[in-house]
Amino acid sequence: MHIEFLVEEESMEKALQNLIPKIVGEEVSFITHVFQGKTDLKNKLPTRLRAYSHYIKSDWRIVVLLDKDDEDCVTLKTELDKIANDAGLIIRFKEQNSSAKSYSH
């Protein structure tokens, strides 16, 4: 398996480089792509995901990590799901528990 992480800042990349090998082991490869903040990632995401849809392999996963900031998490997730769907990608995780819609800070 291979995982592509799309993150909004370098600090998340550094955290993932330390955490991911401990979580998934060495048999899973991964790479992080750092953007210049949340706005940059969200603006470039449609093009990036359309590109992935042309060559992604069945054992690949794409993970988009964004800070919630002041946005409603359900609205943000819906926006990201739409971008992925419009790009022709399959969303593997769907929220099953409607009570998980709010997060505490």
PDB file of N, CA and C in Angstrom:
ATOM      1  N   MET A   1       0.840  -1.170   0.000  1.00  0.00           N
ATOM      2  CA  MET A   1       0.000   0.000   0.000  1.00  0.00           C
ATOM      3  C   MET A   1       0.889   1.239   0.000  1.00  0.00           C
ATOM      4  N   HIS A   2       0.353   2.298  -0.590  1.00  0.00           N
ATOM      5  CA  HIS A   2       1.031   3.592  -0.628  1.00  0.00           C
ATOM      6  C   HIS A   2       0.017   4.662  -0.244  1.00  0.00           C
ATOM      7  N   ILE A   3       0.454   5.634   0.562  1.00  0.00           N
ATOM      8  CA  ILE A   3      -0.422   6.716   0.988  1.00  0.00           C
ATOM      9  C   ILE A   3       0.200   8.053   0.582  1.00  0.00           C
ATOM     10  N   GLU A   4      -0.604   8.890  -0.045  1.00  0.00           N
ATOM     11  CA  GLU A   4      -0.204  10.256  -0.376  1.00  0.00           C
ATOM     12  C   GLU A   4      -0.937  11.184   0.585  1.00  0.00           C
ATOM     13  N   PHE A   5      -0.196  11.945   1.356  1.00  0.00           N
ATOM     14  CA  PHE A   5      -0.775  12.915   2.282  1.00  0.00           C
ATOM     15  C   PHE A   5      -0.663  14.304   1.674  1.00  0.00           C
ATOM     16  N   LEU A   6      -1.756  15.020   1.628  1.00  0.00           N
ATOM     17  CA  LEU A   6      -1.773  16.405   1.179  1.00  0.00           C
ATOM     18  C   LEU A   6      -2.028  17.251   2.418  1.00  0.00           C
ATOM     19  N   VAL A   7      -1.045  18.062   2.784  1.00  0.00           N
ATOM     20  CA  VAL A   7      -1.124  18.808   4.044  1.00  0.00           C
ATOM     21  C   VAL A   7      -0.917  20.292   3.785  1.00  0.00           C
ATOM     22  N   GLU A   8      -1.420  21.104   4.706  1.00  0.00           N
ATOM     23  CA  GLU A   8      -1.378  22.543   4.510  1.00  0.00           C
ATOM     24  C   GLU A   8      -0.125  23.223   5.044  1.00  0.00           C
ATOM     25  N   GLU A   9       0.686  22.501   5.821  1.00  0.00           N
ATOM     26  CA  GLU A   9       1.855  23.163   6.406  1.00  0.00           C
ATOM     27  C   GLU A   9       2.964  22.160   6.722  1.00  0.00           C
ATOM     28  N   GLU A  10       4.183  22.675   6.818  1.00  0.00           N
ATOM     29  CA  GLU A  10       5.358  21.838   7.063  1.00  0.00           C
ATOM     30  C   GLU A  10       5.317  21.124   8.407  1.00  0.00           C
ATOM     31  N   SER A  11       4.713  21.746   9.414  1.00  0.00           N
ATOM     32  CA  SER A  11       4.689  21.101  10.726  1.00  0.00           C
ATOM     33  C   SER A  11       3.915  19.784  10.680  1.00  0.00           C
ATOM     34  N   MET A  12       2.870  19.726   9.861  1.00  0.00           N
ATOM     35  CA  MET A  12       2.124  18.473   9.722  1.00  0.00           C
ATOM     36  C   MET A  12       2.971  17.430   8.998  1.00  0.00           C
ATOM     37  N   GLU A  13       3.736  17.851   8.023  1.00  0.00           N
ATOM     38  CA  GLU A  13       4.626  16.920   7.320  1.00  0.00           C
ATOM     39  C   GLU A  13       5.623  16.297   8.303  1.00  0.00           C
ATOM     40  N   LYS A  14       6.215  17.123   9.150  1.00  0.00           N
ATOM     41  CA  LYS A  14       7.196  16.628  10.122  1.00  0.00           C
ATOM     42  C   LYS A  14       6.545  15.651  11.102  1.00  0.00           C
ATOM     43  N   ALA A  15       5.342  15.962  11.537  1.00  0.00           N
ATOM     44  CA  ALA A  15       4.630  15.063  12.446  1.00  0.00           C
ATOM     45  C   ALA A  15       4.340  13.729  11.763  1.00  0.00           C
ATOM     46  N   LEU A  16       3.889  13.764  10.524  1.00  0.00           N
ATOM     47  CA  LEU A  16       3.577  12.532   9.801  1.00  0.00           C
ATOM     48  C   LEU A  16       4.822  11.677   9.573  1.00  0.00           C
ATOM     49  N   GLN A  17       5.935  12.307   9.291  1.00  0.00           N
ATOM     50  CA  GLN A  17       7.175  11.561   9.067  1.00  0.00           C
ATOM     51  C   GLN A  17       7.561  10.763  10.303  1.00  0.00           C
ATOM     52  N   ASN A  18       7.223  11.263  11.480  1.00  0.00           N
ATOM     53  CA  ASN A  18       7.512  10.541  12.717  1.00  0.00           C
ATOM     54  C   ASN A  18       6.428   9.530  13.072  1.00  0.00           C
ATOM     55  N   LEU A  19       5.170   9.891  12.849  1.00  0.00           N
ATOM     56  CA  LEU A  19       4.061   9.046  13.292  1.00  0.00           C
ATOM     57  C   LEU A  19       3.714   7.889  12.360  1.00  0.00           C
ATOM     58  N   ILE A  20       3.683   8.141  11.077  1.00  0.00           N
ATOM     59  CA  ILE A  20       3.181   7.132  10.140  1.00  0.00           C
ATOM     60  C   ILE A  20       3.962   5.826  10.185  1.00  0.00           C
ATOM     61  N   PRO A  21       5.291   5.832  10.170  1.00  0.00           N
ATOM     62  CA  PRO A  21       6.000   4.547  10.262  1.00  0.00           C
ATOM     63  C   PRO A  21       5.665   3.769  11.534  1.00  0.00           C
ATOM     64  N   LYS A  22       5.400   4.478  12.627  1.00  0.00           N
ATOM     65  CA  LYS A  22       5.042   3.807  13.874  1.00  0.00           C
ATOM     66  C   LYS A  22       3.637   3.220  13.826  1.00  0.00           C
ATOM     67  N   ILE A  23       2.770   3.830  13.051  1.00  0.00           N
ATOM     68  CA  ILE A  23       1.377   3.378  12.967  1.00  0.00           C
ATOM     69  C   ILE A  23       1.202   2.251  11.960  1.00  0.00           C
ATOM     70  N   VAL A  24       1.776   2.404  10.770  1.00  0.00           N
ATOM     71  CA  VAL A  24       1.521   1.440   9.695  1.00  0.00           C
ATOM     72  C   VAL A  24       2.678   0.495   9.419  1.00  0.00           C
ATOM     73  N   GLY A  25       3.811   0.752  10.000  1.00  0.00           N
ATOM     74  CA  GLY A  25       4.961  -0.123   9.766  1.00  0.00           C
ATOM     75  C   GLY A  25       5.705   0.237   8.496  1.00  0.00           C
ATOM     76  N   GLU A  26       6.700  -0.542   8.216  1.00  0.00           N
ATOM     77  CA  GLU A  26       7.570  -0.252   7.084  1.00  0.00           C
ATOM     78  C   GLU A  26       7.049  -0.780   5.754  1.00  0.00           C
ATOM     79  N   GLU A  27       6.038  -1.641   5.782  1.00  0.00           N
ATOM     80  CA  GLU A  27       5.513  -2.208   4.539  1.00  0.00           C
ATOM     81  C   GLU A  27       4.635  -1.231   3.769  1.00  0.00           C
ATOM     82  N   VAL A  28       4.280  -0.114   4.380  1.00  0.00           N
ATOM     83  CA  VAL A  28       3.459   0.901   3.729  1.00  0.00           C
ATOM     84  C   VAL A  28       4.351   2.091   3.385  1.00  0.00           C
ATOM     85  N   SER A  29       4.362   2.451   2.104  1.00  0.00           N
ATOM     86  CA  SER A  29       5.122   3.636   1.704  1.00  0.00           C
ATOM     87  C   SER A  29       4.211   4.859   1.773  1.00  0.00           C
ATOM     88  N   PHE A  30       4.813   6.011   1.957  1.00  0.00           N
ATOM     89  CA  PHE A  30       4.026   7.236   1.979  1.00  0.00           C
ATOM     90  C   PHE A  30       4.882   8.420   1.573  1.00  0.00           C
ATOM     91  N   ILE A  31       4.184   9.457   1.147  1.00  0.00           N
ATOM     92  CA  ILE A  31       4.844  10.717   0.828  1.00  0.00           C
ATOM     93  C   ILE A  31       3.894  11.834   1.240  1.00  0.00           C
ATOM     94  N   THR A  32       4.460  12.954   1.646  1.00  0.00           N
ATOM     95  CA  THR A  32       3.638  14.109   1.976  1.00  0.00           C
ATOM     96  C   THR A  32       3.897  15.212   0.963  1.00  0.00           C
ATOM     97  N   HIS A  33       2.837  15.906   0.620  1.00  0.00           N
ATOM     98  CA  HIS A  33       2.922  17.059  -0.264  1.00  0.00           C
ATOM     99  C   HIS A  33       2.448  18.257   0.552  1.00  0.00           C
ATOM    100  N   VAL A  34       3.343  19.215   0.739  1.00  0.00           N
ATOM    101  CA  VAL A  34       3.055  20.376   1.572  1.00  0.00           C
ATOM    102  C   VAL A  34       2.619  21.539   0.693  1.00  0.00           C
ATOM    103  N   PHE A  35       1.551  22.191   1.106  1.00  0.00           N
ATOM    104  CA  PHE A  35       1.044  23.364   0.409  1.00  0.00           C
ATOM    105  C   PHE A  35       1.329  24.599   1.253  1.00  0.00           C
ATOM    106  N   GLN A  36       1.079  25.744   0.695  1.00  0.00           N
ATOM    107  CA  GLN A  36       1.341  27.015   1.378  1.00  0.00           C
ATOM    108  C   GLN A  36       0.096  27.492   2.116  1.00  0.00           C
ATOM    109  N   GLY A  37      -0.405  26.656   2.993  1.00  0.00           N
ATOM    110  CA  GLY A  37      -1.572  27.000   3.790  1.00  0.00           C
ATOM    111  C   GLY A  37      -2.845  26.351   3.271  1.00  0.00           C
ATOM    112  N   LYS A  38      -3.888  26.524   4.035  1.00  0.00           N
ATOM    113  CA  LYS A  38      -5.190  25.913   3.754  1.00  0.00           C
ATOM    114  C   LYS A  38      -5.783  26.402   2.434  1.00  0.00           C
ATOM    115  N   THR A  39      -5.713  27.707   2.203  1.00  0.00           N
ATOM    116  CA  THR A  39      -6.285  28.266   0.971  1.00  0.00           C
ATOM    117  C   THR A  39      -5.577  27.705  -0.254  1.00  0.00           C
ATOM    118  N   ASP A  40      -4.256  27.638  -0.201  1.00  0.00           N
ATOM    119  CA  ASP A  40      -3.482  27.090  -1.318  1.00  0.00           C
ATOM    120  C   ASP A  40      -3.865  25.634  -1.580  1.00  0.00           C
ATOM    121  N   LEU A  41      -3.950  24.840  -0.529  1.00  0.00           N
ATOM    122  CA  LEU A  41      -4.314  23.425  -0.688  1.00  0.00           C
ATOM    123  C   LEU A  41      -5.705  23.296  -1.289  1.00  0.00           C
ATOM    124  N   LYS A  42      -6.669  24.023  -0.746  1.00  0.00           N
ATOM    125  CA  LYS A  42      -8.043  23.928  -1.249  1.00  0.00           C
ATOM    126  C   LYS A  42      -8.149  24.407  -2.695  1.00  0.00           C
ATOM    127  N   ASN A  43      -7.393  25.430  -3.063  1.00  0.00           N
ATOM    128  CA  ASN A  43      -7.429  25.932  -4.442  1.00  0.00           C
ATOM    129  C   ASN A  43      -6.818  24.949  -5.432  1.00  0.00           C
ATOM    130  N   LYS A  44      -5.771  24.256  -5.016  1.00  0.00           N
ATOM    131  CA  LYS A  44      -5.078  23.327  -5.910  1.00  0.00           C
ATOM    132  C   LYS A  44      -5.635  21.908  -5.859  1.00  0.00           C
ATOM    133  N   LEU A  45      -6.474  21.626  -4.886  1.00  0.00           N
ATOM    134  CA  LEU A  45      -6.972  20.266  -4.691  1.00  0.00           C
ATOM    135  C   LEU A  45      -7.740  19.705  -5.885  1.00  0.00           C
ATOM    136  N   PRO A  46      -8.646  20.446  -6.513  1.00  0.00           N
ATOM    137  CA  PRO A  46      -9.367  19.864  -7.655  1.00  0.00           C
ATOM    138  C   PRO A  46      -8.432  19.389  -8.766  1.00  0.00           C
ATOM    139  N   THR A  47      -7.451  20.196  -9.111  1.00  0.00           N
ATOM    140  CA  THR A  47      -6.499  19.810 -10.168  1.00  0.00           C
ATOM    141  C   THR A  47      -5.670  18.615  -9.740  1.00  0.00           C
ATOM    142  N   ARG A  48      -5.198  18.628  -8.513  1.00  0.00           N
ATOM    143  CA  ARG A  48      -4.375  17.529  -7.998  1.00  0.00           C
ATOM    144  C   ARG A  48      -5.155  16.225  -8.004  1.00  0.00           C
ATOM    145  N   LEU A  49      -6.397  16.254  -7.524  1.00  0.00           N
ATOM    146  CA  LEU A  49      -7.190  15.020  -7.464  1.00  0.00           C
ATOM    147  C   LEU A  49      -7.573  14.519  -8.853  1.00  0.00           C
ATOM    148  N   ARG A  50      -7.838  15.431  -9.796  1.00  0.00           N
ATOM    149  CA  ARG A  50      -8.109  14.990 -11.177  1.00  0.00           C
ATOM    150  C   ARG A  50      -6.882  14.282 -11.750  1.00  0.00           C
ATOM    151  N   ALA A  51      -5.703  14.800 -11.453  1.00  0.00           N
ATOM    152  CA  ALA A  51      -4.469  14.160 -11.930  1.00  0.00           C
ATOM    153  C   ALA A  51      -4.328  12.771 -11.319  1.00  0.00           C
ATOM    154  N   TYR A  52      -4.557  12.661 -10.008  1.00  0.00           N
ATOM    155  CA  TYR A  52      -4.490  11.353  -9.355  1.00  0.00           C
ATOM    156  C   TYR A  52      -5.465  10.367  -9.998  1.00  0.00           C
ATOM    157  N   SER A  53      -6.635  10.825 -10.365  1.00  0.00           N
ATOM    158  CA  SER A  53      -7.665   9.917 -10.888  1.00  0.00           C
ATOM    159  C   SER A  53      -7.222   9.228 -12.175  1.00  0.00           C
ATOM    160  N   HIS A  54      -6.234   9.786 -12.864  1.00  0.00           N
ATOM    161  CA  HIS A  54      -5.755   9.193 -14.113  1.00  0.00           C
ATOM    162  C   HIS A  54      -4.697   8.117 -13.910  1.00  0.00           C
ATOM    163  N   TYR A  55      -4.029   8.115 -12.763  1.00  0.00           N
ATOM    164  CA  TYR A  55      -2.950   7.131 -12.598  1.00  0.00           C
ATOM    165  C   TYR A  55      -2.922   6.426 -11.248  1.00  0.00           C
ATOM    166  N   ILE A  56      -3.843   6.729 -10.374  1.00  0.00           N
ATOM    167  CA  ILE A  56      -3.817   6.128  -9.041  1.00  0.00           C
ATOM    168  C   ILE A  56      -3.973   4.614  -9.145  1.00  0.00           C
ATOM    169  N   LYS A  57      -3.226   3.904  -8.351  1.00  0.00           N
ATOM    170  CA  LYS A  57      -3.293   2.443  -8.322  1.00  0.00           C
ATOM    171  C   LYS A  57      -4.269   2.004  -7.241  1.00  0.00           C
ATOM    172  N   SER A  58      -4.752   0.787  -7.351  1.00  0.00           N
ATOM    173  CA  SER A  58      -5.785   0.312  -6.426  1.00  0.00           C
ATOM    174  C   SER A  58      -5.298   0.218  -4.978  1.00  0.00           C
ATOM    175  N   ASP A  59      -3.992   0.108  -4.775  1.00  0.00           N
ATOM    176  CA  ASP A  59      -3.493   0.016  -3.401  1.00  0.00           C
ATOM    177  C   ASP A  59      -2.982   1.360  -2.875  1.00  0.00           C
ATOM    178  N   TRP A  60      -3.355   2.439  -3.516  1.00  0.00           N
ATOM    179  CA  TRP A  60      -2.996   3.781  -3.070  1.00  0.00           C
ATOM    180  C   TRP A  60      -4.145   4.401  -2.298  1.00  0.00           C
ATOM    181  N   ARG A  61      -3.811   5.265  -1.364  1.00  0.00           N
ATOM    182  CA  ARG A  61      -4.793   6.053  -0.632  1.00  0.00           C
ATOM    183  C   ARG A  61      -4.325   7.501  -0.638  1.00  0.00           C
ATOM    184  N   ILE A  62      -5.269   8.411  -0.722  1.00  0.00           N
ATOM    185  CA  ILE A  62      -4.972   9.838  -0.658  1.00  0.00           C
ATOM    186  C   ILE A  62      -5.642  10.370   0.599  1.00  0.00           C
ATOM    187  N   VAL A  63      -4.852  11.054   1.423  1.00  0.00           N
ATOM    188  CA  VAL A  63      -5.366  11.617   2.664  1.00  0.00           C
ATOM    189  C   VAL A  63      -5.141  13.122   2.621  1.00  0.00           C
ATOM    190  N   VAL A  64      -6.222  13.883   2.772  1.00  0.00           N
ATOM    191  CA  VAL A  64      -6.142  15.337   2.809  1.00  0.00           C
ATOM    192  C   VAL A  64      -6.299  15.759   4.262  1.00  0.00           C
ATOM    193  N   LEU A  65      -5.287  16.452   4.779  1.00  0.00           N
ATOM    194  CA  LEU A  65      -5.323  16.908   6.170  1.00  0.00           C
ATOM    195  C   LEU A  65      -5.386  18.425   6.214  1.00  0.00           C
ATOM    196  N   LEU A  66      -6.486  18.925   6.759  1.00  0.00           N
ATOM    197  CA  LEU A  66      -6.690  20.361   6.908  1.00  0.00           C
ATOM    198  C   LEU A  66      -7.084  20.673   8.341  1.00  0.00           C
ATOM    199  N   ASP A  67      -6.640  21.813   8.818  1.00  0.00           N
ATOM    200  CA  ASP A  67      -7.131  22.301  10.107  1.00  0.00           C
ATOM    201  C   ASP A  67      -8.564  22.766   9.920  1.00  0.00           C
ATOM    202  N   LYS A  68      -9.371  22.514  10.910  1.00  0.00           N
ATOM    203  CA  LYS A  68     -10.759  22.966  10.870  1.00  0.00           C
ATOM    204  C   LYS A  68     -10.830  24.490  10.966  1.00  0.00           C
ATOM    205  N   ASP A  69      -9.936  25.078  11.744  1.00  0.00           N
ATOM    206  CA  ASP A  69      -9.948  26.510  12.016  1.00  0.00           C
ATOM    207  C   ASP A  69     -11.342  26.922  12.480  1.00  0.00           C
ATOM    208  N   ASP A  70     -11.914  27.938  11.855  1.00  0.00           N
ATOM    209  CA  ASP A  70     -13.244  28.398  12.257  1.00  0.00           C
ATOM    210  C   ASP A  70     -14.360  27.813  11.394  1.00  0.00           C
ATOM    211  N   GLU A  71     -14.028  26.903  10.501  1.00  0.00           N
ATOM    212  CA  GLU A  71     -15.034  26.324   9.616  1.00  0.00           C
ATOM    213  C   GLU A  71     -15.831  25.235  10.322  1.00  0.00           C
ATOM    214  N   ASP A  72     -17.049  25.065   9.879  1.00  0.00           N
ATOM    215  CA  ASP A  72     -17.872  23.955  10.345  1.00  0.00           C
ATOM    216  C   ASP A  72     -17.293  22.678   9.733  1.00  0.00           C
ATOM    217  N   CYS A  73     -16.997  21.684  10.559  1.00  0.00           N
ATOM    218  CA  CYS A  73     -16.326  20.482  10.077  1.00  0.00           C
ATOM    219  C   CYS A  73     -17.183  19.706   9.073  1.00  0.00           C
ATOM    220  N   VAL A  74     -18.485  19.705   9.237  1.00  0.00           N
ATOM    221  CA  VAL A  74     -19.364  18.992   8.304  1.00  0.00           C
ATOM    222  C   VAL A  74     -19.352  19.690   6.943  1.00  0.00           C
ATOM    223  N   THR A  75     -19.393  21.008   6.955  1.00  0.00           N
ATOM    224  CA  THR A  75     -19.337  21.773   5.710  1.00  0.00           C
ATOM    225  C   THR A  75     -18.007  21.549   5.001  1.00  0.00           C
ATOM    226  N   LEU A  76     -16.920  21.573   5.754  1.00  0.00           N
ATOM    227  CA  LEU A  76     -15.598  21.345   5.183  1.00  0.00           C
ATOM    228  C   LEU A  76     -15.494  19.944   4.589  1.00  0.00           C
ATOM    229  N   LYS A  77     -15.960  18.941   5.314  1.00  0.00           N
ATOM    230  CA  LYS A  77     -15.926  17.561   4.810  1.00  0.00           C
ATOM    231  C   LYS A  77     -16.772  17.421   3.552  1.00  0.00           C
ATOM    232  N   THR A  78     -17.933  18.053   3.529  1.00  0.00           N
ATOM    233  CA  THR A  78     -18.798  18.010   2.351  1.00  0.00           C
ATOM    234  C   THR A  78     -18.109  18.634   1.147  1.00  0.00           C
ATOM    235  N   GLU A  79     -17.428  19.758   1.369  1.00  0.00           N
ATOM    236  CA  GLU A  79     -16.694  20.426   0.298  1.00  0.00           C
ATOM    237  C   GLU A  79     -15.585  19.523  -0.252  1.00  0.00           C
ATOM    238  N   LEU A  80     -14.831  18.897   0.647  1.00  0.00           N
ATOM    239  CA  LEU A  80     -13.752  18.002   0.207  1.00  0.00           C
ATOM    240  C   LEU A  80     -14.300  16.775  -0.519  1.00  0.00           C
ATOM    241  N   ASP A  81     -15.399  16.215  -0.022  1.00  0.00           N
ATOM    242  CA  ASP A  81     -16.029  15.065  -0.683  1.00  0.00           C
ATOM    243  C   ASP A  81     -16.462  15.426  -2.103  1.00  0.00           C
ATOM    244  N   LYS A  82     -17.026  16.614  -2.278  1.00  0.00           N
ATOM    245  CA  LYS A  82     -17.478  17.043  -3.599  1.00  0.00           C
ATOM    246  C   LYS A  82     -16.298  17.182  -4.553  1.00  0.00           C
ATOM    247  N   ILE A  83     -15.213  17.756  -4.082  1.00  0.00           N
ATOM    248  CA  ILE A  83     -14.018  17.898  -4.915  1.00  0.00           C
ATOM    249  C   ILE A  83     -13.520  16.519  -5.353  1.00  0.00           C
ATOM    250  N   ALA A  84     -13.473  15.574  -4.420  1.00  0.00           N
ATOM    251  CA  ALA A  84     -13.023  14.220  -4.748  1.00  0.00           C
ATOM    252  C   ALA A  84     -13.984  13.541  -5.730  1.00  0.00           C
ATOM    253  N   ASN A  85     -15.283  13.649  -5.487  1.00  0.00           N
ATOM    254  CA  ASN A  85     -16.266  13.064  -6.392  1.00  0.00           C
ATOM    255  C   ASN A  85     -16.172  13.666  -7.782  1.00  0.00           C
ATOM    256  N   ASP A  86     -16.045  14.994  -7.861  1.00  0.00           N
ATOM    257  CA  ASP A  86     -15.926  15.669  -9.158  1.00  0.00           C
ATOM    258  C   ASP A  86     -14.679  15.231  -9.911  1.00  0.00           C
ATOM    259  N   ALA A  87     -13.640  14.848  -9.172  1.00  0.00           N
ATOM    260  CA  ALA A  87     -12.394  14.374  -9.788  1.00  0.00           C
ATOM    261  C   ALA A  87     -12.502  12.916 -10.226  1.00  0.00           C
ATOM    262  N   GLY A  88     -13.585  12.248  -9.844  1.00  0.00           N
ATOM    263  CA  GLY A  88     -13.774  10.850 -10.223  1.00  0.00           C
ATOM    264  C   GLY A  88     -13.166   9.860  -9.253  1.00  0.00           C
ATOM    265  N   LEU A  89     -12.882  10.298  -8.038  1.00  0.00           N
ATOM    266  CA  LEU A  89     -12.297   9.410  -7.038  1.00  0.00           C
ATOM    267  C   LEU A  89     -13.377   8.854  -6.126  1.00  0.00           C
ATOM    268  N   ILE A  90     -13.114   7.698  -5.572  1.00  0.00           N
ATOM    269  CA  ILE A  90     -14.032   7.053  -4.642  1.00  0.00           C
ATOM    270  C   ILE A  90     -13.645   7.461  -3.229  1.00  0.00           C
ATOM    271  N   ILE A  91     -14.622   7.898  -2.474  1.00  0.00           N
ATOM    272  CA  ILE A  91     -14.391   8.261  -1.079  1.00  0.00           C
ATOM    273  C   ILE A  91     -14.627   7.011  -0.253  1.00  0.00           C
ATOM    274  N   ARG A  92     -13.614   6.583   0.461  1.00  0.00           N
ATOM    275  CA  ARG A  92     -13.697   5.338   1.227  1.00  0.00           C
ATOM    276  C   ARG A  92     -14.312   5.523   2.586  1.00  0.00           C
ATOM    277  N   PHE A  93     -14.211   6.718   3.166  1.00  0.00           N
ATOM    278  CA  PHE A  93     -14.722   6.949   4.512  1.00  0.00           C
ATOM    279  C   PHE A  93     -15.933   7.859   4.438  1.00  0.00           C
ATOM    280  N   LYS A  94     -17.038   7.366   4.925  1.00  0.00           N
ATOM    281  CA  LYS A  94     -18.249   8.167   5.058  1.00  0.00           C
ATOM    282  C   LYS A  94     -18.613   8.201   6.526  1.00  0.00           C
ATOM    283  N   GLU A  95     -18.964   9.371   7.027  1.00  0.00           N
ATOM    284  CA  GLU A  95     -19.336   9.503   8.429  1.00  0.00           C
ATOM    285  C   GLU A  95     -20.583   8.682   8.704  1.00  0.00           C
ATOM    286  N   GLN A  96     -20.499   7.778   9.644  1.00  0.00           N
ATOM    287  CA  GLN A  96     -21.607   6.894   9.981  1.00  0.00           C
ATOM    288  C   GLN A  96     -22.395   7.405  11.176  1.00  0.00           C
ATOM    289  N   ASN A  97     -21.726   8.173  12.025  1.00  0.00           N
ATOM    290  CA  ASN A  97     -22.346   8.587  13.274  1.00  0.00           C
ATOM    291  C   ASN A  97     -22.644  10.083  13.213  1.00  0.00           C
ATOM    292  N   SER A  98     -23.912  10.439  13.091  1.00  0.00           N
ATOM    293  CA  SER A  98     -24.259  11.852  12.944  1.00  0.00           C
ATOM    294  C   SER A  98     -23.927  12.665  14.182  1.00  0.00           C
ATOM    295  N   SER A  99     -23.752  12.015  15.327  1.00  0.00           N
ATOM    296  CA  SER A  99     -23.405  12.752  16.542  1.00  0.00           C
ATOM    297  C   SER A  99     -21.960  13.227  16.515  1.00  0.00           C
ATOM    298  N   ALA A 100     -21.165  12.759  15.563  1.00  0.00           N
ATOM    299  CA  ALA A 100     -19.760  13.150  15.465  1.00  0.00           C
ATOM    300  C   ALA A 100     -19.590  14.436  14.667  1.00  0.00           C
ATOM    301  N   LYS A 101     -20.651  15.169  14.441  1.00  0.00           N
ATOM    302  CA  LYS A 101     -20.591  16.369  13.621  1.00  0.00           C
ATOM    303  C   LYS A 101     -19.914  17.551  14.304  1.00  0.00           C
ATOM    304  N   SER A 102     -19.841  17.569  15.596  1.00  0.00           N
ATOM    305  CA  SER A 102     -19.183  18.710  16.233  1.00  0.00           C
ATOM    306  C   SER A 102     -17.952  18.235  16.999  1.00  0.00           C
ATOM    307  N   TYR A 103     -16.968  19.083  16.992  1.00  0.00           N
ATOM    308  CA  TYR A 103     -15.719  18.799  17.684  1.00  0.00           C
ATOM    309  C   TYR A 103     -15.502  19.875  18.724  1.00  0.00           C
ATOM    310  N   SER A 104     -14.862  19.519  19.806  1.00  0.00           N
ATOM    311  CA  SER A 104     -14.523  20.546  20.789  1.00  0.00           C
ATOM    312  C   SER A 104     -13.114  21.042  20.497  1.00  0.00           C
ATOM    313  N   HIS A 105     -12.827  22.253  20.907  1.00  0.00           N
ATOM    314  CA  HIS A 105     -11.512  22.855  20.660  1.00  0.00           C
ATOM    315  C   HIS A 105     -10.578  22.511  21.770  1.00  0.00           C
TER     316      HIS A 105
END
